[in-house]
Amino acid sequence: MYFSNIQLLMLVFAFVITIFSVIKVYQIKKEYLIKHRELEVEYERIQLEKQKQKIL
């Protein structure tokens, strides 16, 4: 199958956009997991603080 220069250029451009999109999704997912873990740690800290106050 023969591709013209413009079709080849569009194909390369689409491939580059796809690669950048996958990288961005990976970064967003990584940031989400980090924030989620930070919130879990904060929640555990608050729960421990509540338990501590109940004891006192």
N, C-alpha and C. Protein backbone atom coordinates (compact mmCIF):
# COMPACT_ATOMS: atom_id res chain seq x y z
N MET A 1 0.85 -1.18 0.00
CA MET A 1 0.00 0.00 0.00
C MET A 1 0.89 1.24 0.00
N TYR A 2 0.54 2.18 -0.82
CA TYR A 2 1.36 3.39 -0.98
C TYR A 2 0.73 4.55 -0.20
N PHE A 3 1.55 5.25 0.60
CA PHE A 3 1.09 6.42 1.33
C PHE A 3 1.73 7.66 0.72
N SER A 4 0.94 8.72 0.63
CA SER A 4 1.51 9.99 0.17
C SER A 4 2.26 10.62 1.35
N ASN A 5 3.03 11.65 1.06
CA ASN A 5 3.81 12.32 2.11
C ASN A 5 2.92 12.89 3.20
N ILE A 6 1.80 13.47 2.80
CA ILE A 6 0.89 14.07 3.78
C ILE A 6 0.27 12.99 4.67
N GLN A 7 -0.11 11.86 4.07
CA GLN A 7 -0.68 10.77 4.87
C GLN A 7 0.35 10.23 5.85
N LEU A 8 1.59 10.10 5.39
CA LEU A 8 2.67 9.62 6.26
C LEU A 8 2.91 10.61 7.40
N LEU A 9 2.91 11.89 7.07
CA LEU A 9 3.10 12.93 8.08
C LEU A 9 1.96 12.89 9.11
N MET A 10 0.73 12.74 8.64
CA MET A 10 -0.42 12.67 9.55
C MET A 10 -0.34 11.43 10.44
N LEU A 11 0.13 10.32 9.87
CA LEU A 11 0.28 9.09 10.64
C LEU A 11 1.32 9.25 11.74
N VAL A 12 2.44 9.87 11.40
CA VAL A 12 3.49 10.12 12.39
C VAL A 12 2.97 11.07 13.46
N PHE A 13 2.27 12.10 13.05
CA PHE A 13 1.71 13.08 13.99
C PHE A 13 0.72 12.40 14.95
N ALA A 14 -0.14 11.55 14.41
CA ALA A 14 -1.10 10.83 15.25
C ALA A 14 -0.37 9.90 16.23
N PHE A 15 0.68 9.27 15.77
CA PHE A 15 1.47 8.39 16.64
C PHE A 15 2.11 9.18 17.78
N VAL A 16 2.67 10.35 17.45
CA VAL A 16 3.30 11.20 18.48
C VAL A 16 2.26 11.67 19.49
N ILE A 17 1.10 12.08 19.02
CA ILE A 17 0.03 12.51 19.93
C ILE A 17 -0.39 11.36 20.84
N THR A 18 -0.47 10.17 20.29
CA THR A 18 -0.84 8.99 21.09
C THR A 18 0.19 8.73 22.18
N ILE A 19 1.45 8.81 21.82
CA ILE A 19 2.52 8.58 22.80
C ILE A 19 2.44 9.62 23.92
N PHE A 20 2.29 10.91 23.55
CA PHE A 20 2.18 11.95 24.56
C PHE A 20 0.95 11.76 25.44
N SER A 21 -0.15 11.31 24.87
CA SER A 21 -1.37 11.07 25.64
C SER A 21 -1.17 9.96 26.65
N VAL A 22 -0.52 8.89 26.23
CA VAL A 22 -0.27 7.77 27.14
C VAL A 22 0.63 8.22 28.29
N ILE A 23 1.65 9.01 27.98
CA ILE A 23 2.54 9.52 29.03
C ILE A 23 1.77 10.39 30.00
N LYS A 24 0.91 11.26 29.48
CA LYS A 24 0.13 12.17 30.34
C LYS A 24 -0.83 11.38 31.23
N VAL A 25 -1.49 10.37 30.69
CA VAL A 25 -2.39 9.54 31.49
C VAL A 25 -1.61 8.84 32.60
N TYR A 26 -0.41 8.35 32.28
CA TYR A 26 0.43 7.70 33.29
C TYR A 26 0.79 8.68 34.40
N GLN A 27 1.15 9.92 34.02
CA GLN A 27 1.51 10.93 35.03
C GLN A 27 0.31 11.26 35.91
N ILE A 28 -0.86 11.42 35.31
CA ILE A 28 -2.06 11.75 36.08
C ILE A 28 -2.39 10.61 37.03
N LYS A 29 -2.29 9.37 36.57
CA LYS A 29 -2.57 8.23 37.42
C LYS A 29 -1.59 8.16 38.58
N LYS A 30 -0.31 8.43 38.30
CA LYS A 30 0.71 8.42 39.34
C LYS A 30 0.43 9.50 40.39
N GLU A 31 0.09 10.70 39.93
CA GLU A 31 -0.24 11.79 40.85
C GLU A 31 -1.46 11.43 41.69
N TYR A 32 -2.46 10.82 41.05
CA TYR A 32 -3.67 10.41 41.77
C TYR A 32 -3.33 9.41 42.87
N LEU A 33 -2.51 8.43 42.56
CA LEU A 33 -2.15 7.42 43.56
C LEU A 33 -1.37 8.03 44.71
N ILE A 34 -0.49 8.99 44.41
CA ILE A 34 0.26 9.67 45.46
C ILE A 34 -0.69 10.46 46.37
N LYS A 35 -1.59 11.23 45.76
CA LYS A 35 -2.56 12.01 46.55
C LYS A 35 -3.47 11.10 47.37
N HIS A 36 -3.89 10.00 46.76
CA HIS A 36 -4.76 9.06 47.46
C HIS A 36 -4.05 8.51 48.69
N ARG A 37 -2.79 8.15 48.55
CA ARG A 37 -2.02 7.62 49.68
C ARG A 37 -1.84 8.68 50.76
N GLU A 38 -1.58 9.93 50.34
CA GLU A 38 -1.46 11.02 51.31
C GLU A 38 -2.75 11.19 52.10
N LEU A 39 -3.89 11.10 51.42
CA LEU A 39 -5.17 11.23 52.11
C LEU A 39 -5.41 10.07 53.07
N GLU A 40 -5.02 8.86 52.65
CA GLU A 40 -5.15 7.71 53.55
C GLU A 40 -4.33 7.90 54.81
N VAL A 41 -3.10 8.38 54.65
CA VAL A 41 -2.23 8.62 55.81
C VAL A 41 -2.83 9.69 56.71
N GLU A 42 -3.35 10.75 56.12
CA GLU A 42 -3.98 11.82 56.91
C GLU A 42 -5.21 11.30 57.66
N TYR A 43 -6.01 10.47 56.98
CA TYR A 43 -7.19 9.89 57.62
C TYR A 43 -6.78 9.00 58.80
N GLU A 44 -5.75 8.19 58.61
CA GLU A 44 -5.28 7.33 59.71
C GLU A 44 -4.77 8.16 60.87
N ARG A 45 -4.09 9.26 60.57
CA ARG A 45 -3.59 10.14 61.62
C ARG A 45 -4.75 10.75 62.41
N ILE A 46 -5.78 11.17 61.71
CA ILE A 46 -6.95 11.74 62.38
C ILE A 46 -7.64 10.69 63.24
N GLN A 47 -7.76 9.47 62.72
CA GLN A 47 -8.38 8.40 63.50
C GLN A 47 -7.58 8.11 64.77
N LEU A 48 -6.27 8.07 64.65
CA LEU A 48 -5.43 7.84 65.83
C LEU A 48 -5.58 8.98 66.84
N GLU A 49 -5.67 10.19 66.33
CA GLU A 49 -5.86 11.35 67.20
C GLU A 49 -7.20 11.25 67.95
N LYS A 50 -8.26 10.83 67.25
CA LYS A 50 -9.56 10.65 67.90
C LYS A 50 -9.51 9.58 68.98
N GLN A 51 -8.85 8.47 68.67
CA GLN A 51 -8.73 7.39 69.65
C GLN A 51 -7.95 7.86 70.87
N LYS A 52 -6.91 8.64 70.62
CA LYS A 52 -6.09 9.15 71.70
C LYS A 52 -6.93 10.07 72.61
N GLN A 53 -7.78 10.87 72.02
CA GLN A 53 -8.60 11.78 72.82
C GLN A 53 -9.67 11.02 73.59
N LYS A 54 -10.16 9.91 73.04
CA LYS A 54 -11.13 9.10 73.75
C LYS A 54 -10.51 8.49 75.00
N ILE A 55 -9.26 8.08 74.87
CA ILE A 55 -8.56 7.46 76.00
C ILE A 55 -8.34 8.50 77.10
N LEU A 56 -7.98 9.71 76.71
CA LEU A 56 -7.73 10.77 77.69
C LEU A 56 -9.07 11.27 78.16
